[in-house]
Amino acid sequence: MLDLLRELTALDGVSGDEGAVRDYIISKISGHCEYETDPLGNIIAFKKGRNRSVKKLLADAHMDEVGLIITSVTADGFLKFAAVGGIDTSVLMFRQVKIGGVNGVISGKPVHLMSGDEKKKLPKPDSLYIDIGAASREQALTLVKPGDRAVIRGGFSLMGSRVTAKALDDRIGCAVLISLLTKESEYDFYASFTVQEEVGLRGAKAAAFRVAPDAALVLEATTAADTAGVPEQGMVCRLGQGPAVSFMDRATVYDRAYYEAALKSGIKCQPKTAVAGGNNSGSLHLSRGGVRTLALSVPCRYIHSPSSVADMKDIESTERLAEYMINGICSGRIE
């Protein structure tokens, strides 16, 4: 699992440009399941199990990550950009980025030229730019063009049982789903690796319509606020306590029976103690005539940054719980 996660997070896949991630996933699942790619770029797979399922279940993880998109080039060769997905401005300043094979750095007004009031505030996103070392618009346009994606660079390292990397949201879910597809399964199930989650849960809407599942299981990463200075009631979920099981967020009210079954499974997990955020469940549960849905989310500190942190033990527990829920729902044991 660790090597799989290392390789997945090294790939760049800003929303709408997930091709490298898609190709990698296909290379891993090929020969272990049937699969196809839909017009949006989702991978939709079918895993044949030892037993036939009484319910059609779709397990989902999204391939895309947050990033930037180039919008224009200034006369002196600097790149203006917009965020793709939710990125806090504090994450952007003076970060190294990649635009295809071109390196750059995000900058803005130098601190020694700022007024006293300016120094006390985060800069506005539209005041920032990317410096790629070009001396003019013409030179810059030989290297990049509007519409190109930029990825904030981040390394991969271990801190005990914890890993830090970019794009843990949601390469964690992709890694778990790859693992489930490449080993024997007790029951048949469908899987989707979806595009464009970070910009509105778009790929999942198409995947759910195509598969028409009875039940859906979303494998995600979610914000963990168990850091210094945060009061206990604001921590939402904690690293090392297993996947967070949601009862409600801003996009979904989750299936109560599935929620309770997960918490009673005997596999280490925790309720997500906040009604906040959202994930592909928001599209999946509303597909066609409605889909009973559960989300299992790995707690992740500093999410949507190039230095996100998650615990490998939580990821392993997520895989075990996902397998338990798939088998329980597909067999009819979990009603």
C-alpha atoms as a PDB file:
ATOM      1  CA  MET A   1       0.000   0.000   0.000  1.00  0.00           C
ATOM      2  CA  LEU A   2       2.813   2.432   0.849  1.00  0.00           C
ATOM      3  CA  ASP A   3       4.520   2.046  -2.543  1.00  0.00           C
ATOM      4  CA  LEU A   4       1.168   2.359  -4.296  1.00  0.00           C
ATOM      5  CA  LEU A   5       0.442   5.603  -2.461  1.00  0.00           C
ATOM      6  CA  ARG A   6       3.930   6.937  -3.169  1.00  0.00           C
ATOM      7  CA  GLU A   7       3.488   6.353  -6.899  1.00  0.00           C
ATOM      8  CA  LEU A   8      -0.046   7.756  -7.026  1.00  0.00           C
ATOM      9  CA  THR A   9       0.817  10.993  -5.215  1.00  0.00           C
ATOM     10  CA  ALA A  10       3.809  11.560  -7.524  1.00  0.00           C
ATOM     11  CA  LEU A  11       1.392  11.845 -10.463  1.00  0.00           C
ATOM     12  CA  ASP A  12      -0.224  15.125 -11.444  1.00  0.00           C
ATOM     13  CA  GLY A  13      -3.971  15.177 -12.050  1.00  0.00           C
ATOM     14  CA  VAL A  14      -5.633  18.553 -11.557  1.00  0.00           C
ATOM     15  CA  SER A  15      -9.387  18.414 -12.225  1.00  0.00           C
ATOM     16  CA  GLY A  16     -10.063  17.986 -15.925  1.00  0.00           C
ATOM     17  CA  ASP A  17      -6.518  16.751 -16.607  1.00  0.00           C
ATOM     18  CA  GLU A  18      -6.463  13.356 -14.885  1.00  0.00           C
ATOM     19  CA  GLY A  19      -4.911  11.384 -17.757  1.00  0.00           C
ATOM     20  CA  ALA A  20      -1.644  10.414 -16.036  1.00  0.00           C
ATOM     21  CA  VAL A  21      -3.509   9.116 -12.985  1.00  0.00           C
ATOM     22  CA  ARG A  22      -6.018   7.256 -15.168  1.00  0.00           C
ATOM     23  CA  ASP A  23      -3.261   5.552 -17.195  1.00  0.00           C
ATOM     24  CA  TYR A  24      -1.487   4.466 -14.011  1.00  0.00           C
ATOM     25  CA  ILE A  25      -4.647   3.024 -12.467  1.00  0.00           C
ATOM     26  CA  ILE A  26      -5.468   1.108 -15.650  1.00  0.00           C
ATOM     27  CA  SER A  27      -1.958  -0.377 -15.621  1.00  0.00           C
ATOM     28  CA  LYS A  28      -2.601  -1.660 -12.089  1.00  0.00           C
ATOM     29  CA  ILE A  29      -6.135  -3.061 -12.465  1.00  0.00           C
ATOM     30  CA  SER A  30      -5.778  -4.496 -15.975  1.00  0.00           C
ATOM     31  CA  GLY A  31      -6.179  -8.277 -15.854  1.00  0.00           C
ATOM     32  CA  HIS A  32      -7.891  -8.177 -12.461  1.00  0.00           C
ATOM     33  CA  CYS A  33     -11.297  -6.856 -13.535  1.00  0.00           C
ATOM     34  CA  GLU A  34     -13.299  -5.649 -16.489  1.00  0.00           C
ATOM     35  CA  TYR A  35     -13.135  -1.895 -17.079  1.00  0.00           C
ATOM     36  CA  GLU A  36     -13.998   0.882 -19.503  1.00  0.00           C
ATOM     37  CA  THR A  37     -13.381   4.610 -19.767  1.00  0.00           C
ATOM     38  CA  ASP A  38     -16.407   6.849 -20.295  1.00  0.00           C
ATOM     39  CA  PRO A  39     -16.504  10.092 -22.346  1.00  0.00           C
ATOM     40  CA  LEU A  40     -15.659  12.250 -19.303  1.00  0.00           C
ATOM     41  CA  GLY A  41     -12.601  10.142 -18.477  1.00  0.00           C
ATOM     42  CA  ASN A  42     -13.992   8.130 -15.552  1.00  0.00           C
ATOM     43  CA  ILE A  43     -12.792   4.544 -15.184  1.00  0.00           C
ATOM     44  CA  ILE A  44     -15.730   2.228 -14.524  1.00  0.00           C
ATOM     45  CA  ALA A  45     -14.747  -1.289 -13.471  1.00  0.00           C
ATOM     46  CA  PHE A  46     -16.555  -4.513 -12.656  1.00  0.00           C
ATOM     47  CA  LYS A  47     -14.971  -6.968 -10.229  1.00  0.00           C
ATOM     48  CA  LYS A  48     -16.205 -10.546 -10.499  1.00  0.00           C
ATOM     49  CA  GLY A  49     -16.516 -12.145  -7.077  1.00  0.00           C
ATOM     50  CA  ARG A  50     -16.848 -15.717  -5.896  1.00  0.00           C
ATOM     51  CA  ASN A  51     -20.545 -15.072  -5.302  1.00  0.00           C
ATOM     52  CA  ARG A  52     -23.222 -13.144  -7.110  1.00  0.00           C
ATOM     53  CA  SER A  53     -24.421  -9.981  -5.374  1.00  0.00           C
ATOM     54  CA  VAL A  54     -28.010  -9.449  -4.317  1.00  0.00           C
ATOM     55  CA  LYS A  55     -27.465  -5.665  -4.624  1.00  0.00           C
ATOM     56  CA  LYS A  56     -25.462  -3.725  -7.190  1.00  0.00           C
ATOM     57  CA  LEU A  57     -22.841  -1.740  -5.310  1.00  0.00           C
ATOM     58  CA  LEU A  58     -20.564   0.989  -6.668  1.00  0.00           C
ATOM     59  CA  ALA A  59     -17.368   1.861  -4.765  1.00  0.00           C
ATOM     60  CA  ASP A  60     -15.938   5.225  -5.776  1.00  0.00           C
ATOM     61  CA  ALA A  61     -12.735   7.239  -5.422  1.00  0.00           C
ATOM     62  CA  HIS A  62     -11.858  10.397  -7.338  1.00  0.00           C
ATOM     63  CA  MET A  63      -8.651  10.770  -9.343  1.00  0.00           C
ATOM     64  CA  ASP A  64      -8.363  14.559  -9.484  1.00  0.00           C
ATOM     65  CA  GLU A  65      -6.519  16.914  -7.163  1.00  0.00           C
ATOM     66  CA  VAL A  66      -6.752  20.638  -6.507  1.00  0.00           C
ATOM     67  CA  GLY A  67      -4.427  22.886  -8.453  1.00  0.00           C
ATOM     68  CA  LEU A  68      -4.264  25.958 -10.637  1.00  0.00           C
ATOM     69  CA  ILE A  69      -5.161  26.862 -14.223  1.00  0.00           C
ATOM     70  CA  ILE A  70      -3.355  29.492 -16.276  1.00  0.00           C
ATOM     71  CA  THR A  71      -5.706  32.278 -17.357  1.00  0.00           C
ATOM     72  CA  SER A  72      -3.423  34.837 -19.030  1.00  0.00           C
ATOM     73  CA  VAL A  73       0.162  36.018 -19.496  1.00  0.00           C
ATOM     74  CA  THR A  74       1.354  39.540 -18.686  1.00  0.00           C
ATOM     75  CA  ALA A  75       3.457  41.646 -21.048  1.00  0.00           C
ATOM     76  CA  ASP A  76       6.554  40.918 -18.947  1.00  0.00           C
ATOM     77  CA  GLY A  77       6.047  37.133 -19.001  1.00  0.00           C
ATOM     78  CA  PHE A  78       4.334  36.395 -15.674  1.00  0.00           C
ATOM     79  CA  LEU A  79       1.397  33.978 -15.546  1.00  0.00           C
ATOM     80  CA  LYS A  80      -1.952  34.848 -14.015  1.00  0.00           C
ATOM     81  CA  PHE A  81      -4.017  31.935 -12.727  1.00  0.00           C
ATOM     82  CA  ALA A  82      -7.204  30.781 -11.035  1.00  0.00           C
ATOM     83  CA  ALA A  83      -7.629  28.057  -8.426  1.00  0.00           C
ATOM     84  CA  VAL A  84      -9.061  24.696  -9.482  1.00  0.00           C
ATOM     85  CA  GLY A  85     -10.852  23.460  -6.378  1.00  0.00           C
ATOM     86  CA  GLY A  86     -10.604  24.808  -2.850  1.00  0.00           C
ATOM     87  CA  ILE A  87      -7.103  26.128  -2.108  1.00  0.00           C
ATOM     88  CA  ASP A  88      -6.409  28.602   0.671  1.00  0.00           C
ATOM     89  CA  THR A  89      -4.224  31.553  -0.335  1.00  0.00           C
ATOM     90  CA  SER A  90      -1.850  30.786   2.548  1.00  0.00           C
ATOM     91  CA  VAL A  91      -0.924  27.545   0.778  1.00  0.00           C
ATOM     92  CA  LEU A  92       0.099  29.350  -2.418  1.00  0.00           C
ATOM     93  CA  MET A  93       2.653  32.003  -1.527  1.00  0.00           C
ATOM     94  CA  PHE A  94       6.189  31.294  -2.809  1.00  0.00           C
ATOM     95  CA  ARG A  95       5.421  27.667  -3.599  1.00  0.00           C
ATOM     96  CA  GLN A  96       7.154  25.888  -6.446  1.00  0.00           C
ATOM     97  CA  VAL A  97       4.827  24.703  -9.193  1.00  0.00           C
ATOM     98  CA  LYS A  98       4.980  22.563 -12.319  1.00  0.00           C
ATOM     99  CA  ILE A  99       3.131  23.363 -15.543  1.00  0.00           C
ATOM    100  CA  GLY A 100       3.717  20.261 -17.619  1.00  0.00           C
ATOM    101  CA  GLY A 101       7.502  20.181 -17.885  1.00  0.00           C
ATOM    102  CA  VAL A 102       7.930  23.859 -16.948  1.00  0.00           C
ATOM    103  CA  ASN A 103       8.961  24.903 -13.439  1.00  0.00           C
ATOM    104  CA  GLY A 104       7.772  28.055 -11.741  1.00  0.00           C
ATOM    105  CA  VAL A 105       7.202  29.771  -8.424  1.00  0.00           C
ATOM    106  CA  ILE A 106       4.124  31.589  -7.133  1.00  0.00           C
ATOM    107  CA  SER A 107       4.833  35.110  -6.017  1.00  0.00           C
ATOM    108  CA  GLY A 108       3.329  38.547  -5.546  1.00  0.00           C
ATOM    109  CA  LYS A 109       4.259  41.871  -4.075  1.00  0.00           C
ATOM    110  CA  PRO A 110       7.549  41.529  -2.133  1.00  0.00           C
ATOM    111  CA  VAL A 111       7.131  41.911   1.627  1.00  0.00           C
ATOM    112  CA  HIS A 112       9.664  44.780   1.825  1.00  0.00           C
ATOM    113  CA  LEU A 113       7.434  46.813  -0.519  1.00  0.00           C
ATOM    114  CA  MET A 114       4.250  46.210   1.481  1.00  0.00           C
ATOM    115  CA  SER A 115       2.656  48.776   3.761  1.00  0.00           C
ATOM    116  CA  GLY A 116       2.078  48.032   7.422  1.00  0.00           C
ATOM    117  CA  ASP A 117      -1.557  47.064   6.834  1.00  0.00           C
ATOM    118  CA  GLU A 118      -0.676  44.878   3.844  1.00  0.00           C
ATOM    119  CA  LYS A 119       1.758  42.871   5.958  1.00  0.00           C
ATOM    120  CA  LYS A 120      -1.067  41.931   8.329  1.00  0.00           C
ATOM    121  CA  LYS A 121      -3.296  40.407   5.627  1.00  0.00           C
ATOM    122  CA  LEU A 122      -3.078  37.531   3.209  1.00  0.00           C
ATOM    123  CA  PRO A 123      -2.757  38.800  -0.350  1.00  0.00           C
ATOM    124  CA  LYS A 124      -5.760  38.498  -2.614  1.00  0.00           C
ATOM    125  CA  PRO A 125      -5.467  35.537  -4.989  1.00  0.00           C
ATOM    126  CA  ASP A 126      -5.791  37.780  -8.045  1.00  0.00           C
ATOM    127  CA  SER A 127      -2.691  39.725  -6.931  1.00  0.00           C
ATOM    128  CA  LEU A 128      -0.479  36.630  -7.257  1.00  0.00           C
ATOM    129  CA  TYR A 129       1.326  35.372 -10.338  1.00  0.00           C
ATOM    130  CA  ILE A 130       3.596  32.539 -11.452  1.00  0.00           C
ATOM    131  CA  ASP A 131       7.179  33.349 -12.395  1.00  0.00           C
ATOM    132  CA  ILE A 132       8.609  30.851 -14.931  1.00  0.00           C
ATOM    133  CA  GLY A 133      11.726  32.889 -15.700  1.00  0.00           C
ATOM    134  CA  ALA A 134      10.355  34.322 -18.949  1.00  0.00           C
ATOM    135  CA  ALA A 135      11.295  37.866 -19.974  1.00  0.00           C
ATOM    136  CA  SER A 136       8.228  38.588 -22.116  1.00  0.00           C
ATOM    137  CA  ARG A 137       4.741  37.394 -23.034  1.00  0.00           C
ATOM    138  CA  GLU A 138       6.099  36.009 -26.291  1.00  0.00           C
ATOM    139  CA  GLN A 139       8.763  33.934 -24.543  1.00  0.00           C
ATOM    140  CA  ALA A 140       6.297  32.669 -21.910  1.00  0.00           C
ATOM    141  CA  LEU A 141       3.807  31.594 -24.589  1.00  0.00           C
ATOM    142  CA  THR A 142       6.432  29.338 -26.150  1.00  0.00           C
ATOM    143  CA  LEU A 143       6.389  27.373 -22.874  1.00  0.00           C
ATOM    144  CA  VAL A 144       2.809  27.553 -21.565  1.00  0.00           C
ATOM    145  CA  LYS A 145      -0.617  28.711 -22.691  1.00  0.00           C
ATOM    146  CA  PRO A 146      -3.919  29.686 -21.089  1.00  0.00           C
ATOM    147  CA  GLY A 147      -5.793  26.559 -20.006  1.00  0.00           C
ATOM    148  CA  ASP A 148      -2.663  24.693 -18.886  1.00  0.00           C
ATOM    149  CA  ARG A 149      -2.826  23.261 -15.364  1.00  0.00           C
ATOM    150  CA  ALA A 150      -0.265  23.993 -12.680  1.00  0.00           C
ATOM    151  CA  VAL A 151       0.462  21.650  -9.777  1.00  0.00           C
ATOM    152  CA  ILE A 152       1.926  22.771  -6.476  1.00  0.00           C
ATOM    153  CA  ARG A 153       5.003  20.620  -5.939  1.00  0.00           C
ATOM    154  CA  GLY A 154       5.260  18.385  -2.892  1.00  0.00           C
ATOM    155  CA  GLY A 155       7.501  15.521  -1.845  1.00  0.00           C
ATOM    156  CA  PHE A 156       6.684  12.172  -0.233  1.00  0.00           C
ATOM    157  CA  SER A 157       8.048  11.337   3.201  1.00  0.00           C
ATOM    158  CA  LEU A 158       7.293   9.274   6.283  1.00  0.00           C
ATOM    159  CA  MET A 159       6.912  10.394   9.900  1.00  0.00           C
ATOM    160  CA  GLY A 160       6.632   7.107  11.762  1.00  0.00           C
ATOM    161  CA  SER A 161       3.361   5.515  10.612  1.00  0.00           C
ATOM    162  CA  ARG A 162       2.295   8.772   8.986  1.00  0.00           C
ATOM    163  CA  VAL A 163       2.862   9.908   5.446  1.00  0.00           C
ATOM    164  CA  THR A 164       3.088  13.426   4.060  1.00  0.00           C
ATOM    165  CA  ALA A 165       2.513  14.158   0.369  1.00  0.00           C
ATOM    166  CA  LYS A 166       0.453  16.194  -2.051  1.00  0.00           C
ATOM    167  CA  ALA A 167      -2.841  14.879  -3.436  1.00  0.00           C
ATOM    168  CA  LEU A 168      -3.622  12.522  -0.556  1.00  0.00           C
ATOM    169  CA  ASP A 169      -7.162  13.707  -1.317  1.00  0.00           C
ATOM    170  CA  ASP A 170      -8.009  11.425  -2.980  1.00  0.00           C
ATOM    171  CA  ARG A 171      -5.114   9.223  -4.046  1.00  0.00           C
ATOM    172  CA  ILE A 172      -5.726   7.493  -0.713  1.00  0.00           C
ATOM    173  CA  GLY A 173      -9.150   6.387  -1.955  1.00  0.00           C
ATOM    174  CA  CYS A 174      -7.659   5.377  -5.320  1.00  0.00           C
ATOM    175  CA  ALA A 175      -5.011   3.247  -3.588  1.00  0.00           C
ATOM    176  CA  VAL A 176      -7.613   1.467  -1.442  1.00  0.00           C
ATOM    177  CA  LEU A 177      -9.847   0.825  -4.457  1.00  0.00           C
ATOM    178  CA  ILE A 178      -6.946  -0.495  -6.553  1.00  0.00           C
ATOM    179  CA  SER A 179      -6.075  -2.879  -3.723  1.00  0.00           C
ATOM    180  CA  LEU A 180      -9.669  -4.132  -3.519  1.00  0.00           C
ATOM    181  CA  LEU A 181      -9.817  -4.713  -7.270  1.00  0.00           C
ATOM    182  CA  THR A 182      -6.517  -6.568  -7.505  1.00  0.00           C
ATOM    183  CA  LYS A 183      -7.309  -9.232  -4.913  1.00  0.00           C
ATOM    184  CA  GLU A 184     -10.045 -11.851  -4.797  1.00  0.00           C
ATOM    185  CA  SER A 185     -13.480 -10.593  -3.868  1.00  0.00           C
ATOM    186  CA  GLU A 186     -16.208 -12.488  -2.070  1.00  0.00           C
ATOM    187  CA  TYR A 187     -18.946 -10.730  -4.069  1.00  0.00           C
ATOM    188  CA  ASP A 188     -19.321  -8.948  -7.396  1.00  0.00           C
ATOM    189  CA  PHE A 189     -19.103  -5.156  -7.216  1.00  0.00           C
ATOM    190  CA  TYR A 190     -18.560  -2.131  -9.438  1.00  0.00           C
ATOM    191  CA  ALA A 191     -15.876   0.508  -8.959  1.00  0.00           C
ATOM    192  CA  SER A 192     -15.414   3.997 -10.363  1.00  0.00           C
ATOM    193  CA  PHE A 193     -12.317   6.176 -10.434  1.00  0.00           C
ATOM    194  CA  THR A 194     -13.892   9.523 -11.173  1.00  0.00           C
ATOM    195  CA  VAL A 195     -12.845  12.904 -12.550  1.00  0.00           C
ATOM    196  CA  GLN A 196     -13.594  16.479 -11.507  1.00  0.00           C
ATOM    197  CA  GLU A 197     -14.699  15.923  -7.916  1.00  0.00           C
ATOM    198  CA  GLU A 198     -12.891  19.023  -6.709  1.00  0.00           C
ATOM    199  CA  VAL A 199     -14.882  21.280  -9.044  1.00  0.00           C
ATOM    200  CA  GLY A 200     -18.398  20.071  -8.323  1.00  0.00           C
ATOM    201  CA  LEU A 201     -18.681  16.264  -8.006  1.00  0.00           C
ATOM    202  CA  ARG A 202     -19.109  16.023 -11.773  1.00  0.00           C
ATOM    203  CA  GLY A 203     -17.557  12.710 -12.768  1.00  0.00           C
ATOM    204  CA  ALA A 204     -19.466  10.792 -10.110  1.00  0.00           C
ATOM    205  CA  LYS A 205     -22.782  11.995 -11.529  1.00  0.00           C
ATOM    206  CA  ALA A 206     -22.007  10.395 -14.897  1.00  0.00           C
ATOM    207  CA  ALA A 207     -20.562   7.213 -13.366  1.00  0.00           C
ATOM    208  CA  ALA A 208     -23.587   6.633 -11.136  1.00  0.00           C
ATOM    209  CA  PHE A 209     -26.008   7.169 -14.011  1.00  0.00           C
ATOM    210  CA  ARG A 210     -24.096   4.646 -16.133  1.00  0.00           C
ATOM    211  CA  VAL A 211     -23.832   1.926 -13.446  1.00  0.00           C
ATOM    212  CA  ALA A 212     -27.265   2.532 -11.847  1.00  0.00           C
ATOM    213  CA  PRO A 213     -26.247   1.069  -8.456  1.00  0.00           C
ATOM    214  CA  ASP A 214     -28.493   0.155  -5.543  1.00  0.00           C
ATOM    215  CA  ALA A 215     -25.804   1.235  -3.064  1.00  0.00           C
ATOM    216  CA  ALA A 216     -22.647   3.358  -3.160  1.00  0.00           C
ATOM    217  CA  LEU A 217     -19.519   3.476  -1.009  1.00  0.00           C
ATOM    218  CA  VAL A 218     -17.298   6.553  -1.311  1.00  0.00           C
ATOM    219  CA  LEU A 219     -13.627   6.239  -0.329  1.00  0.00           C
ATOM    220  CA  GLU A 220     -12.228   9.650   0.504  1.00  0.00           C
ATOM    221  CA  ALA A 221      -9.908  11.791   2.569  1.00  0.00           C
ATOM    222  CA  THR A 222     -11.329  14.382   4.929  1.00  0.00           C
ATOM    223  CA  THR A 223     -10.075  17.271   7.021  1.00  0.00           C
ATOM    224  CA  ALA A 224      -8.593  16.304  10.397  1.00  0.00           C
ATOM    225  CA  ALA A 225      -8.249  19.242  12.745  1.00  0.00           C
ATOM    226  CA  ASP A 226      -6.510  17.383  15.588  1.00  0.00           C
ATOM    227  CA  THR A 227      -3.676  19.886  15.673  1.00  0.00           C
ATOM    228  CA  ALA A 228      -2.196  22.199  18.291  1.00  0.00           C
ATOM    229  CA  GLY A 229      -4.504  24.930  19.514  1.00  0.00           C
ATOM    230  CA  VAL A 230      -7.747  23.399  18.257  1.00  0.00           C
ATOM    231  CA  PRO A 231     -10.333  22.756  21.009  1.00  0.00           C
ATOM    232  CA  GLU A 232     -11.438  19.147  21.364  1.00  0.00           C
ATOM    233  CA  GLN A 233     -14.970  19.835  20.129  1.00  0.00           C
ATOM    234  CA  GLY A 234     -13.550  21.275  16.901  1.00  0.00           C
ATOM    235  CA  MET A 235     -11.297  18.374  15.961  1.00  0.00           C
ATOM    236  CA  VAL A 236     -13.908  16.658  13.731  1.00  0.00           C
ATOM    237  CA  CYS A 237     -11.841  13.458  13.448  1.00  0.00           C
ATOM    238  CA  ARG A 238      -8.399  12.338  14.556  1.00  0.00           C
ATOM    239  CA  LEU A 239      -5.460  10.612  12.949  1.00  0.00           C
ATOM    240  CA  GLY A 240      -4.907   7.082  14.236  1.00  0.00           C
ATOM    241  CA  GLN A 241      -8.554   6.425  15.094  1.00  0.00           C
ATOM    242  CA  GLY A 242      -9.523   4.809  11.785  1.00  0.00           C
ATOM    243  CA  PRO A 243     -11.666   6.129   8.935  1.00  0.00           C
ATOM    244  CA  ALA A 244     -14.231   8.797   9.663  1.00  0.00           C
ATOM    245  CA  VAL A 245     -17.795   7.618   8.993  1.00  0.00           C
ATOM    246  CA  SER A 246     -20.107  10.488   8.089  1.00  0.00           C
ATOM    247  CA  PHE A 247     -23.732  10.810   9.197  1.00  0.00           C
ATOM    248  CA  MET A 248     -24.275  14.078   7.285  1.00  0.00           C
ATOM    249  CA  ASP A 249     -22.359  16.759   5.405  1.00  0.00           C
ATOM    250  CA  ARG A 250     -23.322  19.739   3.263  1.00  0.00           C
ATOM    251  CA  ALA A 251     -24.069  17.542   0.245  1.00  0.00           C
ATOM    252  CA  THR A 252     -25.489  14.313   1.703  1.00  0.00           C
ATOM    253  CA  VAL A 253     -27.527  12.839   4.523  1.00  0.00           C
ATOM    254  CA  TYR A 254     -26.048   9.337   4.691  1.00  0.00           C
ATOM    255  CA  ASP A 255     -27.891   6.062   4.948  1.00  0.00           C
ATOM    256  CA  ARG A 256     -28.446   5.472   8.643  1.00  0.00           C
ATOM    257  CA  ALA A 257     -28.338   1.667   8.501  1.00  0.00           C
ATOM    258  CA  TYR A 258     -25.029   1.702   6.623  1.00  0.00           C
ATOM    259  CA  TYR A 259     -23.597   4.279   9.032  1.00  0.00           C
ATOM    260  CA  GLU A 260     -24.510   2.191  12.072  1.00  0.00           C
ATOM    261  CA  ALA A 261     -23.277  -1.043  10.461  1.00  0.00           C
ATOM    262  CA  ALA A 262     -19.862   0.523   9.872  1.00  0.00           C
ATOM    263  CA  LEU A 263     -19.561   1.753  13.468  1.00  0.00           C
ATOM    264  CA  LYS A 264     -20.620  -1.681  14.804  1.00  0.00           C
ATOM    265  CA  SER A 265     -18.271  -3.636  12.499  1.00  0.00           C
ATOM    266  CA  GLY A 266     -15.539  -4.114  15.092  1.00  0.00           C
ATOM    267  CA  ILE A 267     -13.055  -2.464  12.700  1.00  0.00           C
ATOM    268  CA  LYS A 268     -11.441   0.666  14.080  1.00  0.00           C
ATOM    269  CA  CYS A 269     -13.340   3.748  12.863  1.00  0.00           C
ATOM    270  CA  GLN A 270     -14.846   6.960  14.190  1.00  0.00           C
ATOM    271  CA  PRO A 271     -17.856   9.170  13.485  1.00  0.00           C
ATOM    272  CA  LYS A 272     -17.058  12.417  11.689  1.00  0.00           C
ATOM    273  CA  THR A 273     -18.333  14.892  14.262  1.00  0.00           C
ATOM    274  CA  ALA A 274     -19.181  17.803  11.991  1.00  0.00           C
ATOM    275  CA  VAL A 275     -21.707  18.645   9.312  1.00  0.00           C
ATOM    276  CA  ALA A 276     -19.278  20.211   6.867  1.00  0.00           C
ATOM    277  CA  GLY A 277     -17.773  19.763   3.421  1.00  0.00           C
ATOM    278  CA  GLY A 278     -18.927  17.212   0.892  1.00  0.00           C
ATOM    279  CA  ASN A 279     -17.710  14.543  -1.499  1.00  0.00           C
ATOM    280  CA  ASN A 280     -18.902  12.440  -4.435  1.00  0.00           C
ATOM    281  CA  SER A 281     -21.730  11.095  -2.297  1.00  0.00           C
ATOM    282  CA  GLY A 282     -23.535  14.326  -3.105  1.00  0.00           C
ATOM    283  CA  SER A 283     -23.894  13.223  -6.729  1.00  0.00           C
ATOM    284  CA  LEU A 284     -24.080   9.471  -6.212  1.00  0.00           C
ATOM    285  CA  HIS A 285     -26.975   9.388  -3.750  1.00  0.00           C
ATOM    286  CA  LEU A 286     -29.183  11.497  -6.041  1.00  0.00           C
ATOM    287  CA  SER A 287     -28.638   9.438  -9.181  1.00  0.00           C
ATOM    288  CA  ARG A 288     -31.696   8.071 -10.999  1.00  0.00           C
ATOM    289  CA  GLY A 289     -34.245   7.023  -8.362  1.00  0.00           C
ATOM    290  CA  GLY A 290     -31.831   7.472  -5.421  1.00  0.00           C
ATOM    291  CA  VAL A 291     -28.893   5.450  -4.119  1.00  0.00           C
ATOM    292  CA  ARG A 292     -28.236   4.404  -0.510  1.00  0.00           C
ATOM    293  CA  THR A 293     -24.771   5.805   0.226  1.00  0.00           C
ATOM    294  CA  LEU A 294     -21.982   5.683   2.801  1.00  0.00           C
ATOM    295  CA  ALA A 295     -18.663   7.563   2.898  1.00  0.00           C
ATOM    296  CA  LEU A 296     -15.501   6.265   4.567  1.00  0.00           C
ATOM    297  CA  SER A 297     -12.950   9.078   4.843  1.00  0.00           C
ATOM    298  CA  VAL A 298      -9.333   8.871   5.965  1.00  0.00           C
ATOM    299  CA  PRO A 299      -8.488  11.743   8.336  1.00  0.00           C
ATOM    300  CA  CYS A 300      -5.981  14.075   6.677  1.00  0.00           C
ATOM    301  CA  ARG A 301      -4.229  17.061   8.223  1.00  0.00           C
ATOM    302  CA  TYR A 302      -3.456  20.115   6.056  1.00  0.00           C
ATOM    303  CA  ILE A 303      -5.689  18.769   3.283  1.00  0.00           C
ATOM    304  CA  HIS A 304      -5.510  20.465  -0.141  1.00  0.00           C
ATOM    305  CA  SER A 305      -1.904  21.418   0.542  1.00  0.00           C
ATOM    306  CA  PRO A 306       1.334  19.917  -0.840  1.00  0.00           C
ATOM    307  CA  SER A 307       2.149  18.651   2.662  1.00  0.00           C
ATOM    308  CA  SER A 308      -0.992  16.757   3.662  1.00  0.00           C
ATOM    309  CA  VAL A 309      -0.546  14.181   6.437  1.00  0.00           C
ATOM    310  CA  ALA A 310      -2.370  10.867   6.933  1.00  0.00           C
ATOM    311  CA  ASP A 311      -1.761   7.736   9.001  1.00  0.00           C
ATOM    312  CA  MET A 312      -1.060   4.472   7.162  1.00  0.00           C
ATOM    313  CA  LYS A 313      -2.906   2.581   9.914  1.00  0.00           C
ATOM    314  CA  ASP A 314      -6.066   4.555   9.117  1.00  0.00           C
ATOM    315  CA  ILE A 315      -5.672   3.714   5.426  1.00  0.00           C
ATOM    316  CA  GLU A 316      -5.326   0.009   6.228  1.00  0.00           C
ATOM    317  CA  SER A 317      -8.424   0.144   8.465  1.00  0.00           C
ATOM    318  CA  THR A 318     -10.308   1.893   5.663  1.00  0.00           C
ATOM    319  CA  GLU A 319      -9.552  -0.957   3.271  1.00  0.00           C
ATOM    320  CA  ARG A 320     -10.722  -3.536   5.820  1.00  0.00           C
ATOM    321  CA  LEU A 321     -13.910  -1.603   6.560  1.00  0.00           C
ATOM    322  CA  ALA A 322     -14.612  -1.023   2.865  1.00  0.00           C
ATOM    323  CA  GLU A 323     -14.284  -4.745   2.193  1.00  0.00           C
ATOM    324  CA  TYR A 324     -16.558  -5.507   5.156  1.00  0.00           C
ATOM    325  CA  MET A 325     -19.223  -3.095   3.919  1.00  0.00           C
ATOM    326  CA  ILE A 326     -19.024  -4.320   0.309  1.00  0.00           C
ATOM    327  CA  ASN A 327     -19.452  -7.928   1.374  1.00  0.00           C
ATOM    328  CA  GLY A 328     -22.196  -7.083   3.865  1.00  0.00           C
ATOM    329  CA  ILE A 329     -24.252  -5.008   1.443  1.00  0.00           C
ATOM    330  CA  CYS A 330     -23.715  -7.275  -1.574  1.00  0.00           C
ATOM    331  CA  SER A 331     -24.649 -10.384   0.402  1.00  0.00           C
ATOM    332  CA  GLY A 332     -27.738  -8.806   1.962  1.00  0.00           C
ATOM    333  CA  ARG A 333     -26.339  -9.217   5.489  1.00  0.00           C
ATOM    334  CA  ILE A 334     -26.405  -5.444   5.884  1.00  0.00           C
ATOM    335  CA  GLU A 335     -29.939  -4.379   4.966  1.00  0.00           C
END
